[in-house]
PDB file of N, CA and C in Angstrom:
ATOM      1  N   MET A   1     -16.395  -6.265   1.291  1.00  0.00           N
ATOM      2  CA  MET A   1     -15.138  -6.028   0.613  1.00  0.00           C
ATOM      3  C   MET A   1     -14.066  -6.874   1.305  1.00  0.00           C
ATOM      4  N   SER A   2     -13.266  -7.601   0.521  1.00  0.00           N
ATOM      5  CA  SER A   2     -12.225  -8.438   1.107  1.00  0.00           C
ATOM      6  C   SER A   2     -11.106  -7.571   1.680  1.00  0.00           C
ATOM      7  N   ASN A   3     -10.296  -8.170   2.535  1.00  0.00           N
ATOM      8  CA  ASN A   3      -9.162  -7.433   3.127  1.00  0.00           C
ATOM      9  C   ASN A   3      -8.194  -6.965   2.047  1.00  0.00           C
ATOM     10  N   ARG A   4      -7.966  -7.834   1.052  1.00  0.00           N
ATOM     11  CA  ARG A   4      -7.039  -7.483  -0.026  1.00  0.00           C
ATOM     12  C   ARG A   4      -7.579  -6.306  -0.844  1.00  0.00           C
ATOM     13  N   THR A   5      -8.855  -6.346  -1.197  1.00  0.00           N
ATOM     14  CA  THR A   5      -9.472  -5.268  -1.961  1.00  0.00           C
ATOM     15  C   THR A   5      -9.471  -3.976  -1.161  1.00  0.00           C
ATOM     16  N   ASN A   6      -9.792  -4.076   0.119  1.00  0.00           N
ATOM     17  CA  ASN A   6      -9.806  -2.904   0.985  1.00  0.00           C
ATOM     18  C   ASN A   6      -8.411  -2.296   1.086  1.00  0.00           C
ATOM     19  N   LYS A   7      -7.382  -3.150   1.221  1.00  0.00           N
ATOM     20  CA  LYS A   7      -6.006  -2.667   1.305  1.00  0.00           C
ATOM     21  C   LYS A   7      -5.602  -1.975   0.007  1.00  0.00           C
ATOM     22  N   MET A   8      -5.970  -2.561  -1.147  1.00  0.00           N
ATOM     23  CA  MET A   8      -5.645  -1.962  -2.444  1.00  0.00           C
ATOM     24  C   MET A   8      -6.358  -0.627  -2.609  1.00  0.00           C
ATOM     25  N   SER A   9      -7.610  -0.534  -2.196  1.00  0.00           N
ATOM     26  CA  SER A   9      -8.362   0.721  -2.302  1.00  0.00           C
ATOM     27  C   SER A   9      -7.727   1.817  -1.454  1.00  0.00           C
ATOM     28  N   LYS A  10      -7.301   1.465  -0.239  1.00  0.00           N
ATOM     29  CA  LYS A  10      -6.647   2.437   0.633  1.00  0.00           C
ATOM     30  C   LYS A  10      -5.326   2.895   0.030  1.00  0.00           C
ATOM     31  N   GLU A  11      -4.573   1.961  -0.555  1.00  0.00           N
ATOM     32  CA  GLU A  11      -3.291   2.295  -1.167  1.00  0.00           C
ATOM     33  C   GLU A  11      -3.494   3.233  -2.361  1.00  0.00           C
ATOM     34  N   MET A  12      -4.493   2.954  -3.200  1.00  0.00           N
ATOM     35  CA  MET A  12      -4.769   3.822  -4.345  1.00  0.00           C
ATOM     36  C   MET A  12      -5.207   5.206  -3.887  1.00  0.00           C
ATOM     37  N   ALA A  13      -6.029   5.279  -2.861  1.00  0.00           N
ATOM     38  CA  ALA A  13      -6.480   6.570  -2.337  1.00  0.00           C
ATOM     39  C   ALA A  13      -5.299   7.362  -1.797  1.00  0.00           C
ATOM     40  N   LYS A  14      -4.381   6.677  -1.122  1.00  0.00           N
ATOM     41  CA  LYS A  14      -3.198   7.351  -0.584  1.00  0.00           C
ATOM     42  C   LYS A  14      -2.344   7.906  -1.718  1.00  0.00           C
ATOM     43  N   LYS A  15      -2.129   7.112  -2.780  1.00  0.00           N
ATOM     44  CA  LYS A  15      -1.332   7.572  -3.917  1.00  0.00           C
ATOM     45  C   LYS A  15      -2.009   8.741  -4.620  1.00  0.00           C
ATOM     46  N   GLN A  16      -3.319   8.684  -4.779  1.00  0.00           N
ATOM     47  CA  GLN A  16      -4.026   9.789  -5.419  1.00  0.00           C
ATOM     48  C   GLN A  16      -3.889  11.050  -4.588  1.00  0.00           C
ATOM     49  N   LYS A  17      -3.972  10.916  -3.283  1.00  0.00           N
ATOM     50  CA  LYS A  17      -3.856  12.064  -2.397  1.00  0.00           C
ATOM     51  C   LYS A  17      -2.474  12.691  -2.521  1.00  0.00           C
ATOM     52  N   GLN A  18      -1.448  11.872  -2.671  1.00  0.00           N
ATOM     53  CA  GLN A  18      -0.077  12.363  -2.792  1.00  0.00           C
ATOM     54  C   GLN A  18       0.258  12.744  -4.235  1.00  0.00           C
ATOM     55  N   GLN A  19      -0.639  12.450  -5.176  1.00  0.00           N
ATOM     56  CA  GLN A  19      -0.429  12.724  -6.595  1.00  0.00           C
ATOM     57  C   GLN A  19       0.758  11.940  -7.152  1.00  0.00           C
ATOM     58  N   LEU A  20       0.897  10.694  -6.749  1.00  0.00           N
ATOM     59  CA  LEU A  20       1.957   9.843  -7.261  1.00  0.00           C
ATOM     60  C   LEU A  20       1.389   8.945  -8.352  1.00  0.00           C
ATOM     61  N   PRO A  21       2.257   8.323  -9.174  1.00  0.00           N
ATOM     62  CA  PRO A  21       1.759   7.460 -10.239  1.00  0.00           C
ATOM     63  C   PRO A  21       0.892   6.332  -9.689  1.00  0.00           C
ATOM     64  N   ILE A  22      -0.215   6.093 -10.347  1.00  0.00           N
ATOM     65  CA  ILE A  22      -1.104   4.985  -9.998  1.00  0.00           C
ATOM     66  C   ILE A  22      -1.117   4.048 -11.197  1.00  0.00           C
ATOM     67  N   ASN A  23      -0.714   2.811 -10.985  1.00  0.00           N
ATOM     68  CA  ASN A  23      -0.646   1.826 -12.063  1.00  0.00           C
ATOM     69  C   ASN A  23       0.147   2.340 -13.250  1.00  0.00           C
ATOM     70  N   GLY A  24       1.228   3.076 -12.982  1.00  0.00           N
ATOM     71  CA  GLY A  24       2.103   3.566 -14.030  1.00  0.00           C
ATOM     72  C   GLY A  24       1.625   4.828 -14.732  1.00  0.00           C
ATOM     73  N   VAL A  25       0.462   5.367 -14.344  1.00  0.00           N
ATOM     74  CA  VAL A  25      -0.066   6.579 -14.966  1.00  0.00           C
ATOM     75  C   VAL A  25       0.373   7.785 -14.142  1.00  0.00           C
ATOM     76  N   MET A  26       0.987   8.755 -14.803  1.00  0.00           N
ATOM     77  CA  MET A  26       1.455   9.949 -14.118  1.00  0.00           C
ATOM     78  C   MET A  26       0.307  10.947 -13.998  1.00  0.00           C
ATOM     79  N   HIS A  27       0.351  11.754 -12.949  1.00  0.00           N
ATOM     80  CA  HIS A  27      -0.682  12.756 -12.716  1.00  0.00           C
ATOM     81  C   HIS A  27      -0.034  14.107 -12.446  1.00  0.00           C
ATOM     82  N   TRP A  28      -0.669  15.175 -12.928  1.00  0.00           N
ATOM     83  CA  TRP A  28      -0.195  16.526 -12.662  1.00  0.00           C
ATOM     84  C   TRP A  28      -0.432  16.870 -11.206  1.00  0.00           C
ATOM     85  N   VAL A  29       0.532  17.556 -10.601  1.00  0.00           N
ATOM     86  CA  VAL A  29       0.448  17.996  -9.208  1.00  0.00           C
ATOM     87  C   VAL A  29       0.314  19.517  -9.213  1.00  0.00           C
ATOM     88  N   ALA A  30      -0.705  20.036  -8.556  1.00  0.00           N
ATOM     89  CA  ALA A  30      -0.888  21.483  -8.466  1.00  0.00           C
ATOM     90  C   ALA A  30       0.191  22.072  -7.551  1.00  0.00           C
ATOM     91  N   CYS A  31       0.806  23.164  -7.978  1.00  0.00           N
ATOM     92  CA  CYS A  31       1.876  23.784  -7.192  1.00  0.00           C
ATOM     93  C   CYS A  31       1.380  24.297  -5.846  1.00  0.00           C
ATOM     94  N   ASP A  32       0.098  24.626  -5.751  1.00  0.00           N
ATOM     95  CA  ASP A  32      -0.419  25.084  -4.461  1.00  0.00           C
ATOM     96  C   ASP A  32      -0.699  23.936  -3.506  1.00  0.00           C
ATOM     97  N   LYS A  33      -0.599  22.692  -4.007  1.00  0.00           N
ATOM     98  CA  LYS A  33      -0.784  21.504  -3.151  1.00  0.00           C
ATOM     99  C   LYS A  33       0.549  20.940  -2.661  1.00  0.00           C
ATOM    100  N   ARG A  34       1.531  20.868  -3.581  1.00  0.00           N
ATOM    101  CA  ARG A  34       2.830  20.297  -3.229  1.00  0.00           C
ATOM    102  C   ARG A  34       3.843  20.711  -4.278  1.00  0.00           C
ATOM    103  N   LEU A  35       5.083  20.921  -3.861  1.00  0.00           N
ATOM    104  CA  LEU A  35       6.160  21.275  -4.780  1.00  0.00           C
ATOM    105  C   LEU A  35       7.129  20.098  -4.904  1.00  0.00           C
ATOM    106  N   PRO A  36       7.915  20.072  -5.982  1.00  0.00           N
ATOM    107  CA  PRO A  36       8.884  18.980  -6.153  1.00  0.00           C
ATOM    108  C   PRO A  36       9.951  19.004  -5.060  1.00  0.00           C
ATOM    109  N   ASP A  37      10.676  17.903  -4.958  1.00  0.00           N
ATOM    110  CA  ASP A  37      11.818  17.836  -4.049  1.00  0.00           C
ATOM    111  C   ASP A  37      12.930  18.733  -4.593  1.00  0.00           C
ATOM    112  N   HIS A  38      13.807  19.181  -3.706  1.00  0.00           N
ATOM    113  CA  HIS A  38      14.952  20.017  -4.093  1.00  0.00           C
ATOM    114  C   HIS A  38      15.799  19.286  -5.127  1.00  0.00           C
ATOM    115  N   GLU A  39      16.154  19.970  -6.179  1.00  0.00           N
ATOM    116  CA  GLU A  39      16.972  19.493  -7.302  1.00  0.00           C
ATOM    117  C   GLU A  39      16.242  18.513  -8.222  1.00  0.00           C
ATOM    118  N   GLU A  40      14.958  18.265  -7.984  1.00  0.00           N
ATOM    119  CA  GLU A  40      14.212  17.341  -8.840  1.00  0.00           C
ATOM    120  C   GLU A  40      13.959  17.980 -10.209  1.00  0.00           C
ATOM    121  N   ILE A  41      14.141  17.197 -11.259  1.00  0.00           N
ATOM    122  CA  ILE A  41      13.862  17.633 -12.629  1.00  0.00           C
ATOM    123  C   ILE A  41      12.469  17.119 -12.977  1.00  0.00           C
ATOM    124  N   VAL A  42      11.604  18.049 -13.422  1.00  0.00           N
ATOM    125  CA  VAL A  42      10.190  17.707 -13.616  1.00  0.00           C
ATOM    126  C   VAL A  42       9.645  18.337 -14.899  1.00  0.00           C
ATOM    127  N   LEU A  43       8.509  17.810 -15.347  1.00  0.00           N
ATOM    128  CA  LEU A  43       7.724  18.472 -16.382  1.00  0.00           C
ATOM    129  C   LEU A  43       6.905  19.547 -15.701  1.00  0.00           C
ATOM    130  N   VAL A  44       6.774  20.705 -16.316  1.00  0.00           N
ATOM    131  CA  VAL A  44       5.930  21.751 -15.753  1.00  0.00           C
ATOM    132  C   VAL A  44       4.916  22.192 -16.797  1.00  0.00           C
ATOM    133  N   TYR A  45       3.786  22.693 -16.311  1.00  0.00           N
ATOM    134  CA  TYR A  45       2.759  23.257 -17.176  1.00  0.00           C
ATOM    135  C   TYR A  45       2.704  24.758 -16.915  1.00  0.00           C
ATOM    136  N   THR A  46       2.876  25.554 -17.977  1.00  0.00           N
ATOM    137  CA  THR A  46       2.802  27.009 -17.877  1.00  0.00           C
ATOM    138  C   THR A  46       1.832  27.512 -18.948  1.00  0.00           C
ATOM    139  N   TYR A  47       1.614  28.810 -18.980  1.00  0.00           N
ATOM    140  CA  TYR A  47       0.714  29.381 -19.978  1.00  0.00           C
ATOM    141  C   TYR A  47       1.229  29.197 -21.402  1.00  0.00           C
ATOM    142  N   THR A  48       2.518  28.898 -21.558  1.00  0.00           N
ATOM    143  CA  THR A  48       3.083  28.680 -22.892  1.00  0.00           C
ATOM    144  C   THR A  48       3.133  27.204 -23.278  1.00  0.00           C
ATOM    145  N   GLY A  49       2.821  26.309 -22.348  1.00  0.00           N
ATOM    146  CA  GLY A  49       2.816  24.885 -22.651  1.00  0.00           C
ATOM    147  C   GLY A  49       3.582  24.071 -21.628  1.00  0.00           C
ATOM    148  N   ILE A  50       4.072  22.938 -22.056  1.00  0.00           N
ATOM    149  CA  ILE A  50       4.765  21.989 -21.192  1.00  0.00           C
ATOM    150  C   ILE A  50       6.256  22.055 -21.484  1.00  0.00           C
ATOM    151  N   ASP A  51       7.075  22.033 -20.426  1.00  0.00           N
ATOM    152  CA  ASP A  51       8.526  22.112 -20.598  1.00  0.00           C
ATOM    153  C   ASP A  51       9.197  21.365 -19.445  1.00  0.00           C
ATOM    154  N   ILE A  52      10.516  21.267 -19.483  1.00  0.00           N
ATOM    155  CA  ILE A  52      11.288  20.585 -18.444  1.00  0.00           C
ATOM    156  C   ILE A  52      12.026  21.614 -17.609  1.00  0.00           C
ATOM    157  N   PHE A  53      11.844  21.541 -16.294  1.00  0.00           N
ATOM    158  CA  PHE A  53      12.478  22.460 -15.360  1.00  0.00           C
ATOM    159  C   PHE A  53      13.093  21.687 -14.203  1.00  0.00           C
ATOM    160  N   GLN A  54      14.002  22.346 -13.492  1.00  0.00           N
ATOM    161  CA  GLN A  54      14.563  21.788 -12.265  1.00  0.00           C
ATOM    162  C   GLN A  54      14.130  22.682 -11.109  1.00  0.00           C
ATOM    163  N   PHE A  55      13.765  22.064  -9.991  1.00  0.00           N
ATOM    164  CA  PHE A  55      13.306  22.811  -8.829  1.00  0.00           C
ATOM    165  C   PHE A  55      14.472  22.977  -7.865  1.00  0.00           C
ATOM    166  N   LEU A  56      14.930  24.233  -7.711  1.00  0.00           N
ATOM    167  CA  LEU A  56      16.059  24.552  -6.838  1.00  0.00           C
ATOM    168  C   LEU A  56      15.706  25.771  -5.992  1.00  0.00           C
ATOM    169  N   ASP A  57      16.021  25.713  -4.703  1.00  0.00           N
ATOM    170  CA  ASP A  57      15.838  26.877  -3.823  1.00  0.00           C
ATOM    171  C   ASP A  57      14.449  27.494  -3.961  1.00  0.00           C
ATOM    172  N   ASP A  58      13.424  26.632  -3.974  1.00  0.00           N
ATOM    173  CA  ASP A  58      12.018  27.059  -4.051  1.00  0.00           C
ATOM    174  C   ASP A  58      11.667  27.799  -5.337  1.00  0.00           C
ATOM    175  N   GLN A  59      12.404  27.523  -6.421  1.00  0.00           N
ATOM    176  CA  GLN A  59      12.118  28.137  -7.713  1.00  0.00           C
ATOM    177  C   GLN A  59      12.268  27.092  -8.818  1.00  0.00           C
ATOM    178  N   PHE A  60      11.527  27.301  -9.909  1.00  0.00           N
ATOM    179  CA  PHE A  60      11.656  26.453 -11.087  1.00  0.00           C
ATOM    180  C   PHE A  60      12.643  27.104 -12.045  1.00  0.00           C
ATOM    181  N   TYR A  61      13.687  26.375 -12.417  1.00  0.00           N
ATOM    182  CA  TYR A  61      14.692  26.842 -13.373  1.00  0.00           C
ATOM    183  C   TYR A  61      14.590  26.004 -14.636  1.00  0.00           C
ATOM    184  N   HIS A  62      14.595  26.680 -15.793  1.00  0.00           N
ATOM    185  CA  HIS A  62      14.554  25.954 -17.056  1.00  0.00           C
ATOM    186  C   HIS A  62      15.754  25.028 -17.124  1.00  0.00           C
ATOM    187  N   TYR A  63      15.543  23.805 -17.508  1.00  0.00           N
ATOM    188  CA  TYR A  63      16.599  22.794 -17.465  1.00  0.00           C
ATOM    189  C   TYR A  63      17.751  23.104 -18.412  1.00  0.00           C
ATOM    190  N   GLU A  64      17.495  23.716 -19.563  1.00  0.00           N
ATOM    191  CA  GLU A  64      18.563  23.958 -20.528  1.00  0.00           C
ATOM    192  C   GLU A  64      19.233  25.317 -20.380  1.00  0.00           C
ATOM    193  N   ASN A  65      18.442  26.381 -20.165  1.00  0.00           N
ATOM    194  CA  ASN A  65      19.067  27.709 -20.158  1.00  0.00           C
ATOM    195  C   ASN A  65      19.054  28.391 -18.795  1.00  0.00           C
ATOM    196  N   GLY A  66      18.452  27.780 -17.791  1.00  0.00           N
ATOM    197  CA  GLY A  66      18.539  28.272 -16.426  1.00  0.00           C
ATOM    198  C   GLY A  66      17.644  29.433 -16.040  1.00  0.00           C
ATOM    199  N   TYR A  67      16.786  29.915 -16.963  1.00  0.00           N
ATOM    200  CA  TYR A  67      15.958  31.038 -16.555  1.00  0.00           C
ATOM    201  C   TYR A  67      14.901  30.604 -15.539  1.00  0.00           C
ATOM    202  N   VAL A  68      14.512  31.523 -14.684  1.00  0.00           N
ATOM    203  CA  VAL A  68      13.555  31.246 -13.612  1.00  0.00           C
ATOM    204  C   VAL A  68      12.142  31.415 -14.150  1.00  0.00           C
ATOM    205  N   GLN A  69      11.268  30.507 -13.776  1.00  0.00           N
ATOM    206  CA  GLN A  69       9.892  30.526 -14.263  1.00  0.00           C
ATOM    207  C   GLN A  69       8.940  30.410 -13.077  1.00  0.00           C
ATOM    208  N   ASN A  70       8.887  31.423 -12.248  1.00  0.00           N
ATOM    209  CA  ASN A  70       7.983  31.393 -11.103  1.00  0.00           C
ATOM    210  C   ASN A  70       6.727  32.179 -11.405  1.00  0.00           C
ATOM    211  N   GLY A  71       5.661  31.812 -10.744  1.00  0.00           N
ATOM    212  CA  GLY A  71       4.405  32.520 -10.904  1.00  0.00           C
ATOM    213  C   GLY A  71       3.543  32.015 -12.031  1.00  0.00           C
ATOM    214  N   VAL A  72       4.155  31.471 -13.074  1.00  0.00           N
ATOM    215  CA  VAL A  72       3.363  30.968 -14.192  1.00  0.00           C
ATOM    216  C   VAL A  72       3.297  29.445 -14.233  1.00  0.00           C
ATOM    217  N   VAL A  73       4.092  28.772 -13.407  1.00  0.00           N
ATOM    218  CA  VAL A  73       4.018  27.319 -13.311  1.00  0.00           C
ATOM    219  C   VAL A  73       2.838  26.986 -12.408  1.00  0.00           C
ATOM    220  N   THR A  74       1.845  26.317 -12.982  1.00  0.00           N
ATOM    221  CA  THR A  74       0.658  25.975 -12.193  1.00  0.00           C
ATOM    222  C   THR A  74       0.671  24.531 -11.720  1.00  0.00           C
ATOM    223  N   HIS A  75       1.288  23.644 -12.526  1.00  0.00           N
ATOM    224  CA  HIS A  75       1.318  22.217 -12.216  1.00  0.00           C
ATOM    225  C   HIS A  75       2.672  21.637 -12.622  1.00  0.00           C
ATOM    226  N   TRP A  76       3.020  20.525 -12.007  1.00  0.00           N
ATOM    227  CA  TRP A  76       4.251  19.827 -12.352  1.00  0.00           C
ATOM    228  C   TRP A  76       3.994  18.326 -12.261  1.00  0.00           C
ATOM    229  N   MET A  77       4.927  17.562 -12.830  1.00  0.00           N
ATOM    230  CA  MET A  77       4.813  16.107 -12.846  1.00  0.00           C
ATOM    231  C   MET A  77       6.224  15.513 -12.899  1.00  0.00           C
ATOM    232  N   PRO A  78       6.483  14.452 -12.119  1.00  0.00           N
ATOM    233  CA  PRO A  78       7.805  13.803 -12.232  1.00  0.00           C
ATOM    234  C   PRO A  78       8.034  13.307 -13.655  1.00  0.00           C
ATOM    235  N   LEU A  79       9.292  13.299 -14.059  1.00  0.00           N
ATOM    236  CA  LEU A  79       9.619  12.750 -15.377  1.00  0.00           C
ATOM    237  C   LEU A  79       9.339  11.252 -15.377  1.00  0.00           C
ATOM    238  N   PRO A  80       8.893  10.733 -16.508  1.00  0.00           N
ATOM    239  CA  PRO A  80       8.692   9.274 -16.586  1.00  0.00           C
ATOM    240  C   PRO A  80      10.031   8.555 -16.556  1.00  0.00           C
ATOM    241  N   LYS A  81      10.000   7.310 -16.170  1.00  0.00           N
ATOM    242  CA  LYS A  81      11.220   6.505 -16.192  1.00  0.00           C
ATOM    243  C   LYS A  81      11.614   6.259 -17.644  1.00  0.00           C
ATOM    244  N   PRO A  82      12.929   6.182 -17.925  1.00  0.00           N
ATOM    245  CA  PRO A  82      13.362   5.914 -19.305  1.00  0.00           C
ATOM    246  C   PRO A  82      12.950   4.505 -19.725  1.00  0.00           C
ATOM    247  N   PRO A  83      12.831   4.282 -21.025  1.00  0.00           N
ATOM    248  CA  PRO A  83      12.455   2.938 -21.489  1.00  0.00           C
ATOM    249  C   PRO A  83      13.556   1.919 -21.206  1.00  0.00           C
ATOM    250  N   CYS A  84      13.163   0.694 -21.075  1.00  0.00           N
ATOM    251  CA  CYS A  84      14.133  -0.392 -20.861  1.00  0.00           C
ATOM    252  C   CYS A  84      14.832  -0.687 -22.170  1.00  0.00           C
ATOM    253  N   ALA A  85      16.104  -1.017 -22.066  1.00  0.00           N
ATOM    254  CA  ALA A  85      16.888  -1.313 -23.279  1.00  0.00           C
ATOM    255  C   ALA A  85      16.582  -2.683 -23.808  1.00  0.00           C
TER     256      ALA A  85
END
């Protein structure tokens, strides 16, 4: 394996371990593995589906109406970047 290939493989493994985007593809992060940064707005997966929440004070708050959604959020994902104009 070349040095460049080996370096790329290590970088991809590191990103997968951290659950960060790999080649622009977003991945769900299990809440028992890692939580979002404080005040980060994220997509969440709950028993009712996918929605947008903000993570504040170790809790998920619905982005529009502010209700708390703890215990049922199993996974989260950073929001995708907006499209270029």
